Amino acid sequence: MSREKFEAGALRWFGRPLDVLRPAERRILEQAHARQPIAADSNADFDAQLSFGDRLSDRIAIVGGSWGFILGFLGFLVIWALVNTVLLTQNPFDPYPFIFLNLILSMLAAIQAPIIMMSQNRAAARDRLDASHDYQVNLKAEIEILALHEKVDALRGTEIAALGAMLAAIDERLDRMERSRS
């Protein structure tokens, strides 16, 4: 198919000239025309670009956001309180309002929160990449469906023309049969 026919087909599909299309739409349209697949593993490409710090913060976010961590930390807090109130009643290293424990928890939160936010930012970037890829796949599927509709319509037109020719031939035969009877 020539470039002119391709561009004329694109006008029909999108209802606007090719120079008005966004680059992603134009690229997908050209790939559909060339029958090239657009499916790719965007997660593998994204993961290949991660640094050691990125992977570490993702692991910390996975651990810090799990029930195992919450229950383990709850156990640690209970043990801390028991040790400092019951077992070390004579000389506790962190007596009851547990100021040292408060300091440790504050420092943990101050370190853990930005690490989890970095991981969430990367997850949002991955989601945007996935959404862009999904858009491209959906756009190509729409183009392919429109092309199939055109083919079915062309087949239907050919079939209707053939049926019209058959009806004309039958009508002509019937006319000849009537004339021969008369």
N, C-alpha and C. Protein backbone atom coordinates (compact mmCIF):
# COMPACT_ATOMS: atom_id res chain seq x y z
N MET A 1 0.86 -1.18 0.00
CA MET A 1 0.00 0.00 0.00
C MET A 1 0.90 1.23 0.00
N SER A 2 0.59 2.18 -0.84
CA SER A 2 1.41 3.37 -0.94
C SER A 2 1.19 4.29 0.26
N ARG A 3 2.13 5.22 0.42
CA ARG A 3 2.06 6.17 1.54
C ARG A 3 0.80 7.03 1.42
N GLU A 4 0.42 7.40 0.19
CA GLU A 4 -0.77 8.24 0.00
C GLU A 4 -2.03 7.50 0.44
N LYS A 5 -2.13 6.22 0.05
CA LYS A 5 -3.29 5.43 0.47
C LYS A 5 -3.30 5.26 1.98
N PHE A 6 -2.10 5.05 2.56
CA PHE A 6 -1.99 4.90 4.00
C PHE A 6 -2.49 6.17 4.70
N GLU A 7 -2.03 7.33 4.21
CA GLU A 7 -2.46 8.59 4.81
C GLU A 7 -3.95 8.83 4.60
N ALA A 8 -4.48 8.44 3.44
CA ALA A 8 -5.92 8.59 3.21
C ALA A 8 -6.70 7.69 4.16
N GLY A 9 -6.18 6.45 4.40
CA GLY A 9 -6.83 5.56 5.36
C GLY A 9 -6.78 6.13 6.76
N ALA A 10 -5.67 6.78 7.10
CA ALA A 10 -5.55 7.37 8.43
C ALA A 10 -6.56 8.50 8.60
N LEU A 11 -6.78 9.27 7.54
CA LEU A 11 -7.79 10.34 7.63
C LEU A 11 -9.16 9.77 7.94
N ARG A 12 -9.48 8.65 7.33
CA ARG A 12 -10.77 8.01 7.56
C ARG A 12 -10.88 7.48 8.98
N TRP A 13 -9.78 6.91 9.48
CA TRP A 13 -9.81 6.29 10.80
C TRP A 13 -9.91 7.31 11.92
N PHE A 14 -9.19 8.39 11.81
CA PHE A 14 -9.15 9.35 12.90
C PHE A 14 -9.99 10.60 12.65
N GLY A 15 -10.39 10.81 11.44
CA GLY A 15 -11.20 11.98 11.13
C GLY A 15 -10.43 13.29 11.19
N ARG A 16 -9.11 13.20 11.15
CA ARG A 16 -8.28 14.42 11.16
C ARG A 16 -6.97 14.10 10.47
N PRO A 17 -6.29 15.14 9.95
CA PRO A 17 -5.05 14.89 9.21
C PRO A 17 -3.95 14.31 10.09
N LEU A 18 -3.00 13.62 9.44
CA LEU A 18 -1.92 12.98 10.18
C LEU A 18 -1.05 13.99 10.92
N ASP A 19 -0.86 15.18 10.39
CA ASP A 19 0.02 16.14 11.06
C ASP A 19 -0.58 16.66 12.36
N VAL A 20 -1.88 16.42 12.60
CA VAL A 20 -2.52 16.85 13.84
C VAL A 20 -2.45 15.75 14.91
N LEU A 21 -2.15 14.52 14.48
CA LEU A 21 -2.08 13.41 15.42
C LEU A 21 -0.90 13.59 16.37
N ARG A 22 -1.07 13.09 17.58
CA ARG A 22 0.03 13.08 18.53
C ARG A 22 1.07 12.07 18.06
N PRO A 23 2.33 12.25 18.46
CA PRO A 23 3.39 11.33 17.99
C PRO A 23 3.08 9.86 18.32
N ALA A 24 2.53 9.59 19.50
CA ALA A 24 2.22 8.19 19.86
C ALA A 24 1.16 7.63 18.92
N GLU A 25 0.14 8.41 18.61
CA GLU A 25 -0.91 7.94 17.70
C GLU A 25 -0.35 7.68 16.31
N ARG A 26 0.47 8.59 15.84
CA ARG A 26 1.07 8.44 14.51
C ARG A 26 1.95 7.20 14.45
N ARG A 27 2.78 6.99 15.50
CA ARG A 27 3.68 5.83 15.54
C ARG A 27 2.88 4.53 15.57
N ILE A 28 1.83 4.50 16.36
CA ILE A 28 1.00 3.29 16.45
C ILE A 28 0.31 3.03 15.12
N LEU A 29 -0.17 4.08 14.48
CA LEU A 29 -0.82 3.93 13.19
C LEU A 29 0.16 3.39 12.15
N GLU A 30 1.39 3.90 12.17
CA GLU A 30 2.39 3.40 11.24
C GLU A 30 2.78 1.96 11.55
N GLN A 31 2.85 1.61 12.84
CA GLN A 31 3.17 0.22 13.20
C GLN A 31 2.04 -0.71 12.80
N ALA A 32 0.80 -0.26 12.95
CA ALA A 32 -0.34 -1.08 12.55
C ALA A 32 -0.32 -1.30 11.04
N HIS A 33 0.01 -0.24 10.31
CA HIS A 33 0.10 -0.34 8.85
C HIS A 33 1.19 -1.33 8.44
N ALA A 34 2.32 -1.29 9.14
CA ALA A 34 3.44 -2.17 8.81
C ALA A 34 3.28 -3.56 9.43
N ARG A 35 2.18 -3.78 10.16
CA ARG A 35 1.90 -5.06 10.82
C ARG A 35 3.00 -5.44 11.81
N GLN A 36 3.50 -4.43 12.55
CA GLN A 36 4.51 -4.67 13.57
C GLN A 36 3.83 -4.75 14.93
N PRO A 37 4.27 -5.68 15.77
CA PRO A 37 3.68 -5.74 17.12
C PRO A 37 4.18 -4.58 17.97
N ILE A 38 3.35 -4.14 18.90
CA ILE A 38 3.78 -3.08 19.82
C ILE A 38 3.87 -3.59 21.24
N ALA A 39 3.45 -4.82 21.48
CA ALA A 39 3.50 -5.37 22.82
C ALA A 39 4.95 -5.52 23.26
N ALA A 40 5.23 -5.06 24.45
CA ALA A 40 6.57 -5.17 25.02
C ALA A 40 6.44 -5.26 26.53
N ASP A 41 7.45 -5.81 27.17
CA ASP A 41 7.45 -5.90 28.62
C ASP A 41 8.04 -4.62 29.18
N SER A 42 7.18 -3.65 29.46
CA SER A 42 7.65 -2.36 29.96
C SER A 42 8.23 -2.49 31.36
N ASN A 43 7.78 -3.46 32.13
CA ASN A 43 8.32 -3.64 33.48
C ASN A 43 9.78 -4.07 33.45
N ALA A 44 10.14 -4.92 32.52
CA ALA A 44 11.54 -5.36 32.41
C ALA A 44 12.44 -4.17 32.05
N ASP A 45 11.99 -3.34 31.13
CA ASP A 45 12.77 -2.15 30.76
C ASP A 45 12.89 -1.20 31.95
N PHE A 46 11.80 -1.03 32.69
CA PHE A 46 11.80 -0.13 33.85
C PHE A 46 12.73 -0.68 34.93
N ASP A 47 12.64 -1.99 35.20
CA ASP A 47 13.47 -2.60 36.24
C ASP A 47 14.95 -2.54 35.88
N ALA A 48 15.27 -2.61 34.61
CA ALA A 48 16.67 -2.57 34.19
C ALA A 48 17.31 -1.22 34.48
N GLN A 49 16.51 -0.17 34.61
CA GLN A 49 17.05 1.18 34.85
C GLN A 49 17.18 1.51 36.34
N LEU A 50 16.71 0.62 37.22
CA LEU A 50 16.74 0.91 38.65
C LEU A 50 18.16 0.79 39.20
N SER A 51 18.51 1.71 40.08
CA SER A 51 19.81 1.66 40.74
C SER A 51 19.72 0.77 41.98
N PHE A 52 20.84 0.55 42.62
CA PHE A 52 20.85 -0.25 43.84
C PHE A 52 19.98 0.41 44.92
N GLY A 53 20.09 1.73 45.06
CA GLY A 53 19.28 2.45 46.05
C GLY A 53 17.79 2.33 45.77
N ASP A 54 17.43 2.36 44.48
CA ASP A 54 16.02 2.21 44.11
C ASP A 54 15.49 0.84 44.51
N ARG A 55 16.27 -0.20 44.20
CA ARG A 55 15.85 -1.56 44.56
C ARG A 55 15.80 -1.74 46.07
N LEU A 56 16.76 -1.14 46.79
CA LEU A 56 16.77 -1.23 48.25
C LEU A 56 15.56 -0.54 48.86
N SER A 57 15.23 0.64 48.36
CA SER A 57 14.06 1.34 48.91
C SER A 57 12.77 0.58 48.60
N ASP A 58 12.71 -0.07 47.45
CA ASP A 58 11.54 -0.90 47.14
C ASP A 58 11.42 -2.06 48.12
N ARG A 59 12.56 -2.69 48.43
CA ARG A 59 12.54 -3.80 49.40
C ARG A 59 12.12 -3.31 50.78
N ILE A 60 12.66 -2.16 51.19
CA ILE A 60 12.29 -1.60 52.51
C ILE A 60 10.80 -1.29 52.54
N ALA A 61 10.27 -0.74 51.45
CA ALA A 61 8.84 -0.43 51.40
C ALA A 61 8.01 -1.71 51.45
N ILE A 62 8.49 -2.77 50.80
CA ILE A 62 7.76 -4.04 50.83
C ILE A 62 7.73 -4.60 52.26
N VAL A 63 8.89 -4.57 52.93
CA VAL A 63 8.96 -5.09 54.29
C VAL A 63 8.19 -4.18 55.24
N GLY A 64 8.41 -2.86 55.14
CA GLY A 64 7.76 -1.91 56.06
C GLY A 64 6.26 -1.83 55.90
N GLY A 65 5.74 -2.27 54.79
CA GLY A 65 4.30 -2.22 54.57
C GLY A 65 3.64 -3.58 54.68
N SER A 66 4.28 -4.50 55.39
CA SER A 66 3.72 -5.85 55.50
C SER A 66 3.16 -6.09 56.90
N TRP A 67 2.26 -7.06 56.98
CA TRP A 67 1.71 -7.44 58.29
C TRP A 67 2.79 -8.05 59.17
N GLY A 68 3.73 -8.75 58.56
CA GLY A 68 4.83 -9.33 59.34
C GLY A 68 5.61 -8.26 60.07
N PHE A 69 5.91 -7.16 59.38
CA PHE A 69 6.64 -6.06 60.02
C PHE A 69 5.80 -5.43 61.13
N ILE A 70 4.53 -5.19 60.85
CA ILE A 70 3.66 -4.56 61.86
C ILE A 70 3.54 -5.43 63.10
N LEU A 71 3.30 -6.73 62.90
CA LEU A 71 3.17 -7.62 64.05
C LEU A 71 4.50 -7.80 64.78
N GLY A 72 5.60 -7.90 64.03
CA GLY A 72 6.92 -8.00 64.64
C GLY A 72 7.25 -6.75 65.44
N PHE A 73 6.95 -5.60 64.90
CA PHE A 73 7.24 -4.35 65.61
C PHE A 73 6.33 -4.20 66.83
N LEU A 74 5.10 -4.64 66.72
CA LEU A 74 4.20 -4.62 67.87
C LEU A 74 4.76 -5.53 68.98
N GLY A 75 5.27 -6.69 68.59
CA GLY A 75 5.91 -7.58 69.57
C GLY A 75 7.12 -6.91 70.22
N PHE A 76 7.93 -6.22 69.41
CA PHE A 76 9.08 -5.50 69.95
C PHE A 76 8.63 -4.45 70.97
N LEU A 77 7.58 -3.72 70.66
CA LEU A 77 7.09 -2.69 71.58
C LEU A 77 6.58 -3.30 72.89
N VAL A 78 5.89 -4.41 72.81
CA VAL A 78 5.39 -5.08 74.01
C VAL A 78 6.57 -5.58 74.86
N ILE A 79 7.56 -6.18 74.22
CA ILE A 79 8.74 -6.66 74.95
C ILE A 79 9.47 -5.49 75.60
N TRP A 80 9.62 -4.40 74.85
CA TRP A 80 10.29 -3.20 75.40
C TRP A 80 9.56 -2.71 76.65
N ALA A 81 8.24 -2.61 76.55
CA ALA A 81 7.47 -2.13 77.70
C ALA A 81 7.57 -3.10 78.87
N LEU A 82 7.49 -4.40 78.61
CA LEU A 82 7.58 -5.39 79.69
C LEU A 82 8.96 -5.37 80.35
N VAL A 83 9.99 -5.31 79.55
CA VAL A 83 11.35 -5.30 80.11
C VAL A 83 11.55 -4.07 80.98
N ASN A 84 11.08 -2.92 80.54
CA ASN A 84 11.33 -1.68 81.28
C ASN A 84 10.35 -1.44 82.42
N THR A 85 9.27 -2.15 82.50
CA THR A 85 8.34 -1.95 83.62
C THR A 85 8.33 -3.12 84.59
N VAL A 86 8.47 -4.33 84.12
CA VAL A 86 8.35 -5.49 84.99
C VAL A 86 9.71 -6.07 85.36
N LEU A 87 10.53 -6.39 84.37
CA LEU A 87 11.79 -7.07 84.64
C LEU A 87 12.84 -6.15 85.24
N LEU A 88 12.87 -4.93 84.81
CA LEU A 88 13.88 -4.00 85.32
C LEU A 88 13.24 -2.96 86.24
N THR A 89 12.45 -3.42 87.17
CA THR A 89 11.75 -2.47 88.05
C THR A 89 12.71 -1.66 88.90
N GLN A 90 13.85 -2.23 89.25
CA GLN A 90 14.81 -1.53 90.10
C GLN A 90 15.55 -0.44 89.32
N ASN A 91 16.03 -0.81 88.12
CA ASN A 91 16.85 0.13 87.36
C ASN A 91 16.53 0.02 85.87
N PRO A 92 15.37 0.50 85.41
CA PRO A 92 15.03 0.41 83.99
C PRO A 92 15.89 1.39 83.18
N PHE A 93 16.32 0.97 81.99
CA PHE A 93 17.13 1.89 81.16
C PHE A 93 16.24 2.89 80.43
N ASP A 94 14.91 2.62 80.34
CA ASP A 94 13.97 3.58 79.73
C ASP A 94 12.67 3.54 80.53
N PRO A 95 12.59 4.31 81.61
CA PRO A 95 11.40 4.24 82.46
C PRO A 95 10.14 4.75 81.77
N TYR A 96 9.00 4.57 82.51
CA TYR A 96 7.68 4.68 81.90
C TYR A 96 7.45 5.86 80.97
N PRO A 97 7.51 6.87 80.76
CA PRO A 97 6.87 7.28 79.50
C PRO A 97 7.67 6.86 78.26
N PHE A 98 8.75 6.06 78.47
CA PHE A 98 9.53 5.46 77.37
C PHE A 98 10.03 6.52 76.37
N ILE A 99 10.74 7.48 76.88
CA ILE A 99 11.24 8.58 76.04
C ILE A 99 12.27 8.08 75.03
N PHE A 100 13.14 7.16 75.44
CA PHE A 100 14.13 6.63 74.51
C PHE A 100 13.44 5.85 73.38
N LEU A 101 12.43 5.06 73.71
CA LEU A 101 11.66 4.34 72.70
C LEU A 101 10.99 5.33 71.74
N ASN A 102 10.47 6.41 72.29
CA ASN A 102 9.86 7.46 71.46
C ASN A 102 10.87 8.03 70.47
N LEU A 103 12.10 8.26 70.95
CA LEU A 103 13.15 8.77 70.08
C LEU A 103 13.47 7.77 68.96
N ILE A 104 13.57 6.49 69.31
CA ILE A 104 13.86 5.46 68.31
C ILE A 104 12.74 5.41 67.27
N LEU A 105 11.49 5.43 67.72
CA LEU A 105 10.36 5.39 66.79
C LEU A 105 10.34 6.62 65.88
N SER A 106 10.64 7.78 66.41
CA SER A 106 10.67 9.00 65.60
C SER A 106 11.76 8.93 64.54
N MET A 107 12.94 8.44 64.95
CA MET A 107 14.02 8.32 63.97
C MET A 107 13.68 7.29 62.90
N LEU A 108 13.07 6.18 63.30
CA LEU A 108 12.67 5.17 62.34
C LEU A 108 11.65 5.75 61.35
N ALA A 109 10.67 6.48 61.85
CA ALA A 109 9.67 7.09 60.97
C ALA A 109 10.30 8.13 60.05
N ALA A 110 11.26 8.91 60.59
CA ALA A 110 11.91 9.95 59.79
C ALA A 110 12.73 9.34 58.65
N ILE A 111 13.25 8.16 58.85
CA ILE A 111 14.05 7.50 57.80
C ILE A 111 13.14 6.70 56.87
N GLN A 112 12.18 5.99 57.45
CA GLN A 112 11.35 5.08 56.67
C GLN A 112 10.38 5.82 55.74
N ALA A 113 9.81 6.93 56.19
CA ALA A 113 8.81 7.64 55.38
C ALA A 113 9.37 8.11 54.03
N PRO A 114 10.52 8.79 53.97
CA PRO A 114 11.02 9.19 52.65
C PRO A 114 11.39 8.00 51.76
N ILE A 115 11.88 6.93 52.38
CA ILE A 115 12.23 5.74 51.59
C ILE A 115 10.97 5.16 50.96
N ILE A 116 9.89 5.06 51.72
CA ILE A 116 8.63 4.54 51.19
C ILE A 116 8.07 5.49 50.14
N MET A 117 8.22 6.80 50.34
CA MET A 117 7.74 7.76 49.33
C MET A 117 8.53 7.63 48.03
N MET A 118 9.85 7.37 48.12
CA MET A 118 10.63 7.16 46.90
C MET A 118 10.11 5.93 46.15
N SER A 119 9.82 4.89 46.90
CA SER A 119 9.30 3.68 46.27
C SER A 119 7.93 3.93 45.64
N GLN A 120 7.09 4.70 46.32
CA GLN A 120 5.77 5.03 45.77
C GLN A 120 5.89 5.89 44.52
N ASN A 121 6.84 6.81 44.50
CA ASN A 121 7.06 7.63 43.30
C ASN A 121 7.46 6.77 42.12
N ARG A 122 8.34 5.78 42.37
CA ARG A 122 8.73 4.87 41.30
C ARG A 122 7.54 4.04 40.85
N ALA A 123 6.71 3.60 41.81
CA ALA A 123 5.52 2.82 41.44
C ALA A 123 4.58 3.67 40.60
N ALA A 124 4.45 4.95 40.93
CA ALA A 124 3.60 5.84 40.13
C ALA A 124 4.18 6.03 38.73
N ALA A 125 5.51 6.15 38.63
CA ALA A 125 6.14 6.28 37.31
C ALA A 125 5.93 5.00 36.50
N ARG A 126 6.02 3.85 37.16
CA ARG A 126 5.78 2.57 36.47
C ARG A 126 4.32 2.49 36.03
N ASP A 127 3.41 2.96 36.87
CA ASP A 127 1.99 2.95 36.50
C ASP A 127 1.73 3.85 35.29
N ARG A 128 2.40 5.02 35.25
CA ARG A 128 2.25 5.90 34.09
C ARG A 128 2.79 5.23 32.82
N LEU A 129 3.91 4.53 32.95
CA LEU A 129 4.48 3.81 31.81
C LEU A 129 3.53 2.71 31.36
N ASP A 130 2.96 1.97 32.31
CA ASP A 130 1.99 0.92 31.97
C ASP A 130 0.75 1.51 31.31
N ALA A 131 0.27 2.64 31.83
CA ALA A 131 -0.92 3.28 31.25
C ALA A 131 -0.63 3.73 29.82
N SER A 132 0.56 4.26 29.59
CA SER A 132 0.94 4.68 28.23
C SER A 132 0.99 3.47 27.31
N HIS A 133 1.56 2.38 27.78
CA HIS A 133 1.63 1.16 26.96
C HIS A 133 0.23 0.62 26.70
N ASP A 134 -0.62 0.62 27.73
CA ASP A 134 -2.00 0.17 27.55
C ASP A 134 -2.74 1.02 26.52
N TYR A 135 -2.49 2.33 26.56
CA TYR A 135 -3.11 3.22 25.58
C TYR A 135 -2.67 2.86 24.17
N GLN A 136 -1.37 2.59 24.00
CA GLN A 136 -0.86 2.24 22.68
C GLN A 136 -1.46 0.93 22.18
N VAL A 137 -1.56 -0.06 23.07
CA VAL A 137 -2.14 -1.35 22.68
C VAL A 137 -3.62 -1.17 22.33
N ASN A 138 -4.34 -0.40 23.15
CA ASN A 138 -5.76 -0.16 22.86
C ASN A 138 -5.95 0.59 21.56
N LEU A 139 -5.08 1.56 21.29
CA LEU A 139 -5.17 2.32 20.05
C LEU A 139 -4.92 1.41 18.85
N LYS A 140 -3.93 0.55 18.94
CA LYS A 140 -3.66 -0.37 17.83
C LYS A 140 -4.83 -1.34 17.65
N ALA A 141 -5.40 -1.82 18.76
CA ALA A 141 -6.55 -2.72 18.66
C ALA A 141 -7.72 -2.01 17.99
N GLU A 142 -7.93 -0.75 18.33
CA GLU A 142 -9.01 0.02 17.70
C GLU A 142 -8.76 0.17 16.20
N ILE A 143 -7.52 0.44 15.83
CA ILE A 143 -7.18 0.57 14.41
C ILE A 143 -7.43 -0.75 13.68
N GLU A 144 -7.01 -1.85 14.31
CA GLU A 144 -7.21 -3.17 13.69
C GLU A 144 -8.70 -3.49 13.56
N ILE A 145 -9.48 -3.15 14.57
CA ILE A 145 -10.93 -3.40 14.51
C ILE A 145 -11.56 -2.58 13.39
N LEU A 146 -11.14 -1.32 13.27
CA LEU A 146 -11.67 -0.49 12.18
C LEU A 146 -11.29 -1.07 10.82
N ALA A 147 -10.06 -1.58 10.71
CA ALA A 147 -9.65 -2.20 9.44
C ALA A 147 -10.48 -3.44 9.15
N LEU A 148 -10.76 -4.23 10.18
CA LEU A 148 -11.61 -5.41 9.99
C LEU A 148 -13.02 -5.00 9.57
N HIS A 149 -13.55 -3.93 10.16
CA HIS A 149 -14.87 -3.44 9.76
C HIS A 149 -14.88 -3.05 8.29
N GLU A 150 -13.81 -2.39 7.85
CA GLU A 150 -13.73 -2.01 6.43
C GLU A 150 -13.70 -3.24 5.54
N LYS A 151 -12.94 -4.26 5.95
CA LYS A 151 -12.87 -5.48 5.14
C LYS A 151 -14.22 -6.18 5.09
N VAL A 152 -14.90 -6.27 6.24
CA VAL A 152 -16.23 -6.91 6.27
C VAL A 152 -17.22 -6.12 5.42
N ASP A 153 -17.16 -4.78 5.52
CA ASP A 153 -18.05 -3.95 4.71
C ASP A 153 -17.77 -4.16 3.22
N ALA A 154 -16.49 -4.27 2.85
CA ALA A 154 -16.15 -4.51 1.44
C ALA A 154 -16.65 -5.88 0.99
N LEU A 155 -16.48 -6.89 1.85
CA LEU A 155 -17.00 -8.22 1.52
C LEU A 155 -18.52 -8.20 1.39
N ARG A 156 -19.17 -7.50 2.28
CA ARG A 156 -20.63 -7.39 2.23
C ARG A 156 -21.06 -6.68 0.94
N GLY A 157 -20.34 -5.63 0.57
CA GLY A 157 -20.66 -4.92 -0.67
C GLY A 157 -20.49 -5.82 -1.88
N THR A 158 -19.41 -6.61 -1.90
CA THR A 158 -19.19 -7.55 -3.00
C THR A 158 -20.29 -8.60 -3.04
N GLU A 159 -20.67 -9.09 -1.87
CA GLU A 159 -21.73 -10.10 -1.80
C GLU A 159 -23.07 -9.53 -2.25
N ILE A 160 -23.36 -8.31 -1.86
CA ILE A 160 -24.62 -7.67 -2.28
C ILE A 160 -24.63 -7.46 -3.79
N ALA A 161 -23.49 -7.05 -4.35
CA ALA A 161 -23.40 -6.89 -5.81
C ALA A 161 -23.61 -8.22 -6.52
N ALA A 162 -23.00 -9.28 -5.97
CA ALA A 162 -23.16 -10.61 -6.57
C ALA A 162 -24.61 -11.07 -6.47
N LEU A 163 -25.25 -10.83 -5.32
CA LEU A 163 -26.66 -11.19 -5.17
C LEU A 163 -27.54 -10.39 -6.13
N GLY A 164 -27.21 -9.12 -6.32
CA GLY A 164 -27.96 -8.29 -7.27
C GLY A 164 -27.84 -8.83 -8.68
N ALA A 165 -26.61 -9.26 -9.05
CA ALA A 165 -26.41 -9.84 -10.38
C ALA A 165 -27.17 -11.15 -10.52
N MET A 166 -27.19 -11.95 -9.46
CA MET A 166 -27.94 -13.21 -9.50
C MET A 166 -29.43 -12.94 -9.62
N LEU A 167 -29.93 -11.95 -8.88
CA LEU A 167 -31.35 -11.61 -8.96
C LEU A 167 -31.71 -11.09 -10.35
N ALA A 168 -30.81 -10.32 -10.94
CA ALA A 168 -31.06 -9.82 -12.29
C ALA A 168 -31.11 -10.99 -13.28
N ALA A 169 -30.20 -11.96 -13.12
CA ALA A 169 -30.19 -13.13 -14.00
C ALA A 169 -31.45 -13.96 -13.81
N ILE A 170 -31.89 -14.13 -12.56
CA ILE A 170 -33.12 -14.88 -12.28
C ILE A 170 -34.32 -14.15 -12.86
N ASP A 171 -34.34 -12.85 -12.71
CA ASP A 171 -35.44 -12.05 -13.25
C ASP A 171 -35.48 -12.16 -14.77
N GLU A 172 -34.30 -12.13 -15.39
CA GLU A 172 -34.24 -12.28 -16.85
C GLU A 172 -34.73 -13.66 -17.28
N ARG A 173 -34.37 -14.69 -16.57
CA ARG A 173 -34.84 -16.04 -16.88
C ARG A 173 -36.36 -16.15 -16.74
N LEU A 174 -36.85 -15.55 -15.64
CA LEU A 174 -38.30 -15.57 -15.44
C LEU A 174 -39.03 -14.84 -16.57
N ASP A 175 -38.48 -13.73 -17.00
CA ASP A 175 -39.08 -12.98 -18.13
C ASP A 175 -39.07 -13.84 -19.39
N ARG A 176 -37.97 -14.54 -19.66
CA ARG A 176 -37.90 -15.41 -20.84
C ARG A 176 -38.90 -16.56 -20.74
N MET A 177 -39.04 -17.09 -19.51
CA MET A 177 -39.99 -18.18 -19.33
C MET A 177 -41.42 -17.70 -19.56
N GLU A 178 -41.74 -16.52 -19.11
CA GLU A 178 -43.09 -15.96 -19.33
C GLU A 178 -43.32 -15.69 -20.81
N ARG A 179 -42.32 -15.17 -21.49
CA ARG A 179 -42.46 -14.89 -22.92
C ARG A 179 -42.63 -16.20 -23.71
N SER A 180 -41.91 -17.22 -23.27
CA SER A 180 -42.02 -18.48 -24.02
C SER A 180 -43.38 -19.14 -23.78
N ARG A 181 -44.03 -18.91 -22.67
CA ARG A 181 -45.36 -19.44 -22.41
C ARG A 181 -46.42 -18.69 -23.16
N SER A 182 -46.21 -17.49 -23.44
CA SER A 182 -47.23 -16.68 -24.10
C SER A 182 -47.27 -16.84 -25.57
